């Protein structure tokens, strides 16, 4: 008879344990960037709604689903539009190879108060026989600098062919 009283709480404990492992498995940290938090939260919300339905609370379940959908579809895009104090910019820079362009890019970044880290490069041969390099670079603004003109100054360099900002969506 005692197991009947402990049954629902034991089931809930097992659900919490399983969802904890699933949620932890979808959270990744790479280069100091955390991703997967929204997915982990979605798993938790789904488990909570399922447990509430199983416990005979459909009104609370429905309200939870509505609040979750409101948060994901309305509030998240609004938060992304808010201005933030992000000090890191990820840019893809295409430049002519063998003309000292990378040195000039690093000099401009330093003058603008950024520390530059080269993530990845690819070298391609253009139609006229010269080579162009496409470099993925992370620019981190140092304390006390405005840093609003980095993109413009890089694109004005002679051997720089193209500068693109890369949009990072971390979930």
N, C-alpha and C. Protein backbone atom coordinates (compact mmCIF):
# COMPACT_ATOMS: atom_id res chain seq x y z
N UNK A 1 0.81 -1.19 0.00
CA UNK A 1 0.00 0.00 0.00
C UNK A 1 0.85 1.26 0.00
N UNK A 2 2.04 1.16 0.59
CA UNK A 2 2.92 2.31 0.64
C UNK A 2 3.39 2.72 -0.75
N UNK A 3 3.56 1.75 -1.64
CA UNK A 3 4.04 2.08 -2.99
C UNK A 3 3.05 2.92 -3.75
N UNK A 4 1.76 2.85 -3.45
CA UNK A 4 0.77 3.69 -4.13
C UNK A 4 0.96 5.16 -3.79
N UNK A 5 1.36 5.45 -2.56
CA UNK A 5 1.59 6.83 -2.17
C UNK A 5 2.90 7.36 -2.74
N UNK A 6 3.88 6.51 -2.90
CA UNK A 6 5.17 6.94 -3.42
C UNK A 6 5.25 6.84 -4.94
N UNK A 7 4.32 6.17 -5.58
CA UNK A 7 4.37 5.95 -7.03
C UNK A 7 4.52 7.21 -7.85
N UNK A 8 3.63 8.19 -7.71
CA UNK A 8 3.76 9.40 -8.53
C UNK A 8 5.04 10.19 -8.26
N UNK A 9 5.46 10.25 -7.01
CA UNK A 9 6.68 11.00 -6.72
C UNK A 9 7.91 10.27 -7.25
N UNK A 10 7.89 8.95 -7.23
CA UNK A 10 9.01 8.18 -7.80
C UNK A 10 9.07 8.35 -9.31
N UNK A 11 7.91 8.35 -9.95
CA UNK A 11 7.87 8.57 -11.39
C UNK A 11 8.39 9.96 -11.73
N UNK A 12 7.95 10.97 -10.97
CA UNK A 12 8.42 12.34 -11.21
C UNK A 12 9.92 12.45 -11.02
N UNK A 13 10.46 11.77 -10.01
CA UNK A 13 11.90 11.80 -9.76
C UNK A 13 12.66 11.19 -10.93
N UNK A 14 12.13 10.10 -11.47
CA UNK A 14 12.80 9.48 -12.61
C UNK A 14 12.73 10.36 -13.85
N UNK A 15 11.61 11.04 -14.04
CA UNK A 15 11.48 11.97 -15.17
C UNK A 15 12.49 13.10 -15.03
N UNK A 16 12.59 13.66 -13.85
CA UNK A 16 13.54 14.76 -13.60
C UNK A 16 14.96 14.29 -13.87
N UNK A 17 15.31 13.10 -13.42
CA UNK A 17 16.65 12.57 -13.65
C UNK A 17 16.91 12.39 -15.15
N UNK A 18 15.98 11.79 -15.85
CA UNK A 18 16.16 11.57 -17.29
C UNK A 18 16.24 12.86 -18.07
N UNK A 19 15.38 13.81 -17.75
CA UNK A 19 15.38 15.09 -18.46
C UNK A 19 16.65 15.86 -18.14
N UNK A 20 17.15 15.72 -16.93
CA UNK A 20 18.42 16.37 -16.58
C UNK A 20 19.56 15.89 -17.47
N UNK A 21 19.62 14.57 -17.70
CA UNK A 21 20.65 14.03 -18.58
C UNK A 21 20.44 14.48 -20.02
N UNK A 22 19.20 14.46 -20.49
CA UNK A 22 18.94 14.91 -21.86
C UNK A 22 19.28 16.39 -22.02
N UNK A 23 18.85 17.20 -21.06
CA UNK A 23 19.12 18.63 -21.14
C UNK A 23 20.60 18.94 -21.11
N UNK A 24 21.35 18.25 -20.25
CA UNK A 24 22.79 18.46 -20.18
C UNK A 24 23.47 18.01 -21.47
N UNK A 25 22.90 17.02 -22.13
CA UNK A 25 23.51 16.51 -23.36
C UNK A 25 23.38 17.43 -24.55
N UNK A 26 22.44 18.38 -24.52
CA UNK A 26 22.27 19.27 -25.67
C UNK A 26 22.95 20.63 -25.46
N UNK A 27 23.53 20.84 -24.29
CA UNK A 27 24.23 22.10 -24.02
C UNK A 27 25.69 21.92 -24.37
N UNK A 28 26.20 22.78 -25.24
CA UNK A 28 27.59 22.70 -25.69
C UNK A 28 28.30 24.01 -25.39
N UNK A 29 29.58 23.91 -25.06
CA UNK A 29 30.41 25.09 -24.89
C UNK A 29 31.57 24.94 -25.86
N UNK A 30 31.73 25.95 -26.73
CA UNK A 30 32.82 25.94 -27.70
C UNK A 30 33.33 27.36 -27.83
N UNK A 31 34.63 27.53 -27.61
CA UNK A 31 35.27 28.84 -27.68
C UNK A 31 34.55 29.86 -26.81
N UNK A 32 34.25 29.47 -25.59
CA UNK A 32 33.57 30.32 -24.60
C UNK A 32 32.18 30.76 -25.03
N UNK A 33 31.55 30.02 -25.94
CA UNK A 33 30.19 30.32 -26.38
C UNK A 33 29.31 29.14 -25.99
N UNK A 34 28.25 29.43 -25.27
CA UNK A 34 27.33 28.39 -24.82
C UNK A 34 26.18 28.31 -25.81
N UNK A 35 25.86 27.12 -26.28
CA UNK A 35 24.71 26.94 -27.17
C UNK A 35 23.91 25.73 -26.69
N UNK A 36 22.65 25.73 -27.04
CA UNK A 36 21.77 24.63 -26.68
C UNK A 36 20.90 24.91 -25.47
N UNK A 37 21.00 26.09 -24.88
CA UNK A 37 20.21 26.38 -23.69
C UNK A 37 18.71 26.42 -23.99
N UNK A 38 18.35 26.99 -25.13
CA UNK A 38 16.93 27.05 -25.49
C UNK A 38 16.38 25.64 -25.73
N UNK A 39 17.17 24.80 -26.36
CA UNK A 39 16.75 23.43 -26.59
C UNK A 39 16.57 22.68 -25.27
N UNK A 40 17.51 22.86 -24.36
CA UNK A 40 17.41 22.21 -23.05
C UNK A 40 16.18 22.71 -22.30
N UNK A 41 15.93 24.01 -22.37
CA UNK A 41 14.74 24.56 -21.70
C UNK A 41 13.46 24.01 -22.33
N UNK A 42 13.47 23.83 -23.65
CA UNK A 42 12.29 23.26 -24.32
C UNK A 42 12.02 21.84 -23.85
N UNK A 43 13.06 21.07 -23.64
CA UNK A 43 12.90 19.70 -23.14
C UNK A 43 12.28 19.73 -21.74
N UNK A 44 12.76 20.63 -20.90
CA UNK A 44 12.21 20.75 -19.54
C UNK A 44 10.74 21.17 -19.57
N UNK A 45 10.40 22.13 -20.42
CA UNK A 45 9.01 22.58 -20.51
C UNK A 45 8.12 21.43 -20.98
N UNK A 46 8.57 20.68 -21.95
CA UNK A 46 7.80 19.55 -22.46
C UNK A 46 7.57 18.51 -21.36
N UNK A 47 8.60 18.23 -20.59
CA UNK A 47 8.45 17.28 -19.48
C UNK A 47 7.48 17.81 -18.43
N UNK A 48 7.58 19.10 -18.12
CA UNK A 48 6.69 19.69 -17.11
C UNK A 48 5.24 19.65 -17.58
N UNK A 49 5.00 19.95 -18.85
CA UNK A 49 3.63 19.92 -19.39
C UNK A 49 3.10 18.49 -19.36
N UNK A 50 3.92 17.54 -19.73
CA UNK A 50 3.50 16.14 -19.70
C UNK A 50 3.18 15.66 -18.29
N UNK A 51 4.00 16.07 -17.33
CA UNK A 51 3.75 15.67 -15.94
C UNK A 51 2.49 16.33 -15.41
N UNK A 52 2.27 17.60 -15.77
CA UNK A 52 1.06 18.30 -15.31
C UNK A 52 -0.19 17.66 -15.92
N UNK A 53 -0.12 17.30 -17.20
CA UNK A 53 -1.26 16.61 -17.83
C UNK A 53 -1.52 15.26 -17.15
N UNK A 54 -0.45 14.52 -16.88
CA UNK A 54 -0.58 13.23 -16.21
C UNK A 54 -1.12 13.35 -14.80
N UNK A 55 -0.89 14.49 -14.17
CA UNK A 55 -1.38 14.70 -12.80
C UNK A 55 -2.79 15.29 -12.79
N UNK A 56 -3.39 15.45 -13.96
CA UNK A 56 -4.76 15.95 -14.03
C UNK A 56 -4.88 17.46 -13.92
N UNK A 57 -3.88 18.19 -14.43
CA UNK A 57 -3.91 19.66 -14.39
C UNK A 57 -3.82 20.23 -15.81
N UNK A 58 -4.83 20.02 -16.64
CA UNK A 58 -4.75 20.48 -18.04
C UNK A 58 -4.74 22.01 -18.16
N UNK A 59 -5.37 22.72 -17.24
CA UNK A 59 -5.38 24.18 -17.31
C UNK A 59 -3.97 24.74 -17.13
N UNK A 60 -3.24 24.22 -16.15
CA UNK A 60 -1.87 24.66 -15.92
C UNK A 60 -0.99 24.27 -17.11
N UNK A 61 -1.23 23.09 -17.67
CA UNK A 61 -0.47 22.65 -18.84
C UNK A 61 -0.69 23.58 -20.02
N UNK A 62 -1.94 23.91 -20.29
CA UNK A 62 -2.25 24.81 -21.41
C UNK A 62 -1.67 26.19 -21.21
N UNK A 63 -1.74 26.72 -19.98
CA UNK A 63 -1.16 28.03 -19.69
C UNK A 63 0.35 28.01 -19.87
N UNK A 64 0.98 26.94 -19.44
CA UNK A 64 2.44 26.80 -19.60
C UNK A 64 2.82 26.79 -21.08
N UNK A 65 2.08 26.05 -21.88
CA UNK A 65 2.37 26.00 -23.32
C UNK A 65 2.20 27.39 -23.95
N UNK A 66 1.15 28.10 -23.59
CA UNK A 66 0.93 29.45 -24.13
C UNK A 66 2.05 30.40 -23.73
N UNK A 67 2.46 30.37 -22.47
CA UNK A 67 3.55 31.24 -22.02
C UNK A 67 4.86 30.90 -22.71
N UNK A 68 5.12 29.60 -22.89
CA UNK A 68 6.34 29.19 -23.58
C UNK A 68 6.34 29.67 -25.04
N UNK A 69 5.21 29.48 -25.74
CA UNK A 69 5.14 29.92 -27.13
C UNK A 69 5.28 31.44 -27.23
N UNK A 70 4.71 32.16 -26.28
CA UNK A 70 4.87 33.61 -26.26
C UNK A 70 6.34 33.99 -26.09
N UNK A 71 7.01 33.32 -25.18
CA UNK A 71 8.42 33.63 -24.92
C UNK A 71 9.29 33.33 -26.14
N UNK A 72 9.04 32.21 -26.79
CA UNK A 72 9.90 31.80 -27.90
C UNK A 72 9.61 32.58 -29.17
N UNK A 73 8.34 32.86 -29.46
CA UNK A 73 8.01 33.49 -30.74
C UNK A 73 7.97 35.01 -30.69
N UNK A 74 7.69 35.59 -29.54
CA UNK A 74 7.55 37.04 -29.47
C UNK A 74 8.70 37.70 -28.73
N UNK A 75 8.98 37.21 -27.54
CA UNK A 75 9.96 37.89 -26.70
C UNK A 75 11.40 37.67 -27.19
N UNK A 76 11.74 36.46 -27.62
CA UNK A 76 13.11 36.19 -28.08
C UNK A 76 13.54 37.09 -29.23
N UNK A 77 12.74 37.24 -30.30
CA UNK A 77 13.15 38.16 -31.38
C UNK A 77 13.27 39.61 -30.91
N UNK A 78 12.43 40.02 -29.96
CA UNK A 78 12.54 41.39 -29.45
C UNK A 78 13.83 41.59 -28.67
N UNK A 79 14.22 40.60 -27.91
CA UNK A 79 15.46 40.70 -27.13
C UNK A 79 16.67 40.77 -28.06
N UNK A 80 16.64 40.04 -29.17
CA UNK A 80 17.76 40.08 -30.11
C UNK A 80 17.93 41.46 -30.74
N UNK A 81 16.87 42.23 -30.80
CA UNK A 81 16.94 43.57 -31.41
C UNK A 81 17.43 44.63 -30.44
N UNK A 82 17.45 44.33 -29.15
CA UNK A 82 17.92 45.30 -28.17
C UNK A 82 19.41 45.55 -28.37
N UNK A 83 19.84 46.79 -28.19
CA UNK A 83 21.28 47.05 -28.28
C UNK A 83 22.00 46.38 -27.12
N UNK A 84 23.16 45.82 -27.40
CA UNK A 84 23.91 45.15 -26.35
C UNK A 84 25.36 45.58 -26.39
N UNK A 85 26.05 45.30 -25.35
CA UNK A 85 27.45 45.71 -25.20
C UNK A 85 28.39 44.57 -25.60
N UNK A 86 28.08 43.92 -26.70
CA UNK A 86 28.92 42.82 -27.15
C UNK A 86 30.26 43.38 -27.61
N UNK A 87 31.33 42.82 -27.10
CA UNK A 87 32.65 43.31 -27.43
C UNK A 87 33.33 42.47 -28.50
N UNK A 88 32.63 41.46 -29.02
CA UNK A 88 33.23 40.56 -29.99
C UNK A 88 32.47 40.63 -31.30
N UNK A 89 33.22 40.72 -32.39
CA UNK A 89 32.63 40.70 -33.73
C UNK A 89 33.32 39.60 -34.52
N UNK A 90 32.52 38.82 -35.23
CA UNK A 90 33.06 37.78 -36.10
C UNK A 90 32.90 38.28 -37.53
N UNK A 91 34.02 38.40 -38.23
CA UNK A 91 34.01 38.93 -39.59
C UNK A 91 34.70 37.94 -40.53
N UNK A 92 34.22 37.92 -41.76
CA UNK A 92 34.91 37.20 -42.83
C UNK A 92 35.53 38.25 -43.73
N UNK A 93 36.85 38.18 -43.89
CA UNK A 93 37.59 39.18 -44.66
C UNK A 93 38.24 38.48 -45.85
N UNK A 94 37.94 38.95 -47.07
CA UNK A 94 38.61 38.46 -48.28
C UNK A 94 39.64 39.49 -48.70
N UNK A 95 40.86 39.04 -48.92
CA UNK A 95 41.93 39.96 -49.30
C UNK A 95 42.87 39.29 -50.29
N UNK A 96 43.61 40.13 -51.01
CA UNK A 96 44.58 39.65 -51.99
C UNK A 96 45.78 39.09 -51.25
N UNK A 97 46.21 37.90 -51.66
CA UNK A 97 47.33 37.25 -51.01
C UNK A 97 48.65 37.85 -51.46
N UNK A 98 49.63 37.78 -50.59
CA UNK A 98 51.01 38.19 -50.83
C UNK A 98 51.21 39.70 -51.03
N UNK A 99 50.38 40.50 -50.45
CA UNK A 99 50.58 41.95 -50.52
C UNK A 99 50.62 42.60 -49.14
N UNK A 100 50.74 41.82 -48.09
CA UNK A 100 50.79 42.35 -46.73
C UNK A 100 49.43 42.79 -46.21
N UNK A 101 48.36 42.30 -46.81
CA UNK A 101 47.02 42.73 -46.40
C UNK A 101 46.70 42.28 -44.98
N UNK A 102 47.10 41.08 -44.60
CA UNK A 102 46.83 40.61 -43.25
C UNK A 102 47.52 41.49 -42.21
N UNK A 103 48.73 41.89 -42.50
CA UNK A 103 49.44 42.80 -41.61
C UNK A 103 48.67 44.12 -41.46
N UNK A 104 48.16 44.65 -42.58
CA UNK A 104 47.38 45.89 -42.53
C UNK A 104 46.07 45.71 -41.77
N UNK A 105 45.43 44.55 -41.93
CA UNK A 105 44.18 44.26 -41.21
C UNK A 105 44.44 44.24 -39.70
N UNK A 106 45.51 43.58 -39.30
CA UNK A 106 45.85 43.51 -37.88
C UNK A 106 46.23 44.89 -37.33
N UNK A 107 46.90 45.69 -38.13
CA UNK A 107 47.27 47.04 -37.70
C UNK A 107 46.03 47.90 -37.47
N UNK A 108 45.08 47.86 -38.41
CA UNK A 108 43.84 48.63 -38.28
C UNK A 108 43.05 48.16 -37.07
N UNK A 109 42.98 46.85 -36.88
CA UNK A 109 42.26 46.31 -35.71
C UNK A 109 42.88 46.81 -34.42
N UNK A 110 44.19 46.82 -34.37
CA UNK A 110 44.88 47.31 -33.18
C UNK A 110 44.63 48.80 -32.97
N UNK A 111 44.67 49.58 -34.04
CA UNK A 111 44.41 51.02 -33.93
C UNK A 111 42.99 51.30 -33.45
N UNK A 112 42.05 50.44 -33.82
CA UNK A 112 40.66 50.61 -33.41
C UNK A 112 40.39 50.05 -32.01
N UNK A 113 41.41 49.45 -31.40
CA UNK A 113 41.25 48.94 -30.05
C UNK A 113 40.75 47.50 -29.99
N UNK A 114 40.98 46.74 -31.05
CA UNK A 114 40.53 45.35 -31.09
C UNK A 114 41.73 44.41 -31.02
N UNK A 115 41.48 43.26 -30.43
CA UNK A 115 42.42 42.15 -30.49
C UNK A 115 41.86 41.19 -31.52
N UNK A 116 42.68 40.75 -32.46
CA UNK A 116 42.20 39.91 -33.55
C UNK A 116 42.71 38.48 -33.39
N UNK A 117 41.81 37.52 -33.67
CA UNK A 117 42.18 36.10 -33.65
C UNK A 117 41.73 35.51 -34.98
N UNK A 118 42.65 34.89 -35.67
CA UNK A 118 42.37 34.26 -36.96
C UNK A 118 41.84 32.86 -36.71
N UNK A 119 40.60 32.58 -37.15
CA UNK A 119 39.99 31.28 -36.89
C UNK A 119 40.24 30.28 -38.01
N UNK A 120 40.04 30.73 -39.26
CA UNK A 120 40.12 29.80 -40.39
C UNK A 120 40.43 30.61 -41.65
N UNK A 121 41.20 30.00 -42.55
CA UNK A 121 41.49 30.65 -43.83
C UNK A 121 41.32 29.65 -44.96
N UNK A 122 40.90 30.17 -46.11
CA UNK A 122 40.89 29.38 -47.34
C UNK A 122 41.50 30.24 -48.43
N UNK A 123 42.29 29.61 -49.26
CA UNK A 123 42.98 30.31 -50.34
C UNK A 123 42.41 29.85 -51.66
N UNK A 124 42.08 30.81 -52.53
CA UNK A 124 41.48 30.46 -53.82
C UNK A 124 42.16 31.26 -54.93
N UNK A 125 42.24 30.63 -56.09
CA UNK A 125 42.85 31.29 -57.24
C UNK A 125 41.76 32.02 -58.02
N UNK A 126 41.98 33.28 -58.32
CA UNK A 126 40.99 34.05 -59.07
C UNK A 126 41.23 33.91 -60.57
N UNK A 127 40.36 34.49 -61.36
CA UNK A 127 40.43 34.37 -62.82
C UNK A 127 41.71 34.97 -63.41
N UNK A 128 42.22 36.03 -62.80
CA UNK A 128 43.41 36.69 -63.34
C UNK A 128 44.71 36.04 -62.90
N UNK A 129 44.65 34.93 -62.17
CA UNK A 129 45.85 34.20 -61.78
C UNK A 129 46.36 34.54 -60.39
N UNK A 130 45.87 35.60 -59.79
CA UNK A 130 46.30 35.94 -58.44
C UNK A 130 45.50 35.12 -57.43
N UNK A 131 45.94 35.15 -56.21
CA UNK A 131 45.28 34.39 -55.16
C UNK A 131 44.58 35.34 -54.19
N UNK A 132 43.44 34.88 -53.70
CA UNK A 132 42.70 35.62 -52.68
C UNK A 132 42.53 34.69 -51.47
N UNK A 133 42.55 35.29 -50.30
CA UNK A 133 42.38 34.55 -49.05
C UNK A 133 41.09 34.99 -48.40
N UNK A 134 40.29 34.03 -47.97
CA UNK A 134 39.10 34.33 -47.19
C UNK A 134 39.38 33.88 -45.77
N UNK A 135 39.39 34.84 -44.84
CA UNK A 135 39.76 34.58 -43.46
C UNK A 135 38.59 34.85 -42.53
N UNK A 136 38.30 33.91 -41.66
CA UNK A 136 37.32 34.12 -40.59
C UNK A 136 38.10 34.63 -39.39
N UNK A 137 37.71 35.80 -38.90
CA UNK A 137 38.45 36.43 -37.81
C UNK A 137 37.50 36.90 -36.72
N UNK A 138 37.93 36.73 -35.49
CA UNK A 138 37.17 37.20 -34.33
C UNK A 138 37.90 38.42 -33.77
N UNK A 139 37.18 39.54 -33.71
CA UNK A 139 37.74 40.78 -33.20
C UNK A 139 37.09 41.07 -31.84
N UNK A 140 37.92 41.20 -30.81
CA UNK A 140 37.43 41.48 -29.46
C UNK A 140 37.87 42.87 -29.07
N UNK A 141 36.90 43.71 -28.76
CA UNK A 141 37.18 45.10 -28.40
C UNK A 141 37.75 45.15 -26.99
N UNK A 142 38.81 45.92 -26.81
CA UNK A 142 39.41 46.08 -25.50
C UNK A 142 38.65 47.13 -24.71
N UNK A 143 38.85 47.18 -23.43
CA UNK A 143 38.14 48.12 -22.56
C UNK A 143 38.40 49.56 -22.98
N UNK A 144 37.35 50.37 -22.93
CA UNK A 144 37.48 51.81 -23.13
C UNK A 144 37.54 52.28 -24.56
N UNK A 145 37.30 51.40 -25.53
CA UNK A 145 37.33 51.84 -26.92
C UNK A 145 35.93 51.82 -27.51
N UNK A 146 35.69 52.74 -28.43
CA UNK A 146 34.36 52.83 -29.05
C UNK A 146 34.18 51.74 -30.08
N UNK A 147 35.12 51.61 -31.01
CA UNK A 147 35.11 50.51 -31.96
C UNK A 147 33.98 50.49 -32.96
N UNK A 148 33.46 51.63 -33.35
CA UNK A 148 32.33 51.67 -34.29
C UNK A 148 32.78 51.65 -35.75
N UNK A 149 34.04 51.92 -36.03
CA UNK A 149 34.47 52.09 -37.41
C UNK A 149 35.32 50.95 -37.94
N UNK A 150 35.40 49.85 -37.23
CA UNK A 150 36.27 48.74 -37.66
C UNK A 150 35.90 48.23 -39.04
N UNK A 151 34.64 47.92 -39.26
CA UNK A 151 34.18 47.37 -40.54
C UNK A 151 34.49 48.33 -41.69
N UNK A 152 34.24 49.59 -41.48
CA UNK A 152 34.48 50.60 -42.52
C UNK A 152 35.96 50.73 -42.82
N UNK A 153 36.78 50.81 -41.79
CA UNK A 153 38.22 50.97 -42.01
C UNK A 153 38.84 49.75 -42.68
N UNK A 154 38.36 48.56 -42.32
CA UNK A 154 38.90 47.37 -42.97
C UNK A 154 38.52 47.32 -44.44
N UNK A 155 37.30 47.69 -44.77
CA UNK A 155 36.87 47.65 -46.17
C UNK A 155 37.56 48.71 -47.02
N UNK A 156 38.13 49.75 -46.40
CA UNK A 156 38.84 50.79 -47.14
C UNK A 156 40.28 50.44 -47.46
N UNK A 157 40.80 49.36 -46.89
CA UNK A 157 42.18 48.95 -47.18
C UNK A 157 42.32 48.53 -48.64
N UNK A 158 43.46 48.82 -49.24
CA UNK A 158 43.68 48.59 -50.68
C UNK A 158 43.51 47.13 -51.09
N UNK A 159 44.12 46.21 -50.37
CA UNK A 159 44.11 44.82 -50.80
C UNK A 159 42.94 44.02 -50.24
N UNK A 160 42.06 44.65 -49.47
CA UNK A 160 40.89 43.97 -48.95
C UNK A 160 39.79 44.00 -50.00
N UNK A 161 39.32 42.84 -50.39
CA UNK A 161 38.30 42.72 -51.44
C UNK A 161 36.88 42.79 -50.87
N UNK A 162 36.68 42.23 -49.67
CA UNK A 162 35.34 42.16 -49.10
C UNK A 162 35.44 41.94 -47.59
N UNK A 163 34.52 42.57 -46.86
CA UNK A 163 34.40 42.36 -45.41
C UNK A 163 32.94 42.08 -45.12
N UNK A 164 32.66 40.93 -44.49
CA UNK A 164 31.28 40.56 -44.13
C UNK A 164 31.20 40.26 -42.65
N UNK A 165 30.17 40.78 -42.03
CA UNK A 165 29.90 40.43 -40.63
C UNK A 165 29.17 39.10 -40.62
N UNK A 166 29.58 38.21 -39.75
CA UNK A 166 28.96 36.90 -39.63
C UNK A 166 28.00 36.96 -38.45
N UNK A 167 26.76 36.58 -38.71
CA UNK A 167 25.73 36.57 -37.67
C UNK A 167 25.83 35.27 -36.90
N UNK A 168 26.09 35.38 -35.59
CA UNK A 168 26.18 34.20 -34.75
C UNK A 168 24.90 34.04 -33.97
N UNK A 169 24.23 32.94 -34.18
CA UNK A 169 23.04 32.64 -33.40
C UNK A 169 23.37 31.45 -32.51
N UNK A 170 23.39 31.71 -31.19
CA UNK A 170 23.82 30.68 -30.27
C UNK A 170 22.68 29.96 -29.61
N UNK A 171 21.52 29.99 -30.22
CA UNK A 171 20.39 29.25 -29.68
C UNK A 171 19.77 30.00 -28.54
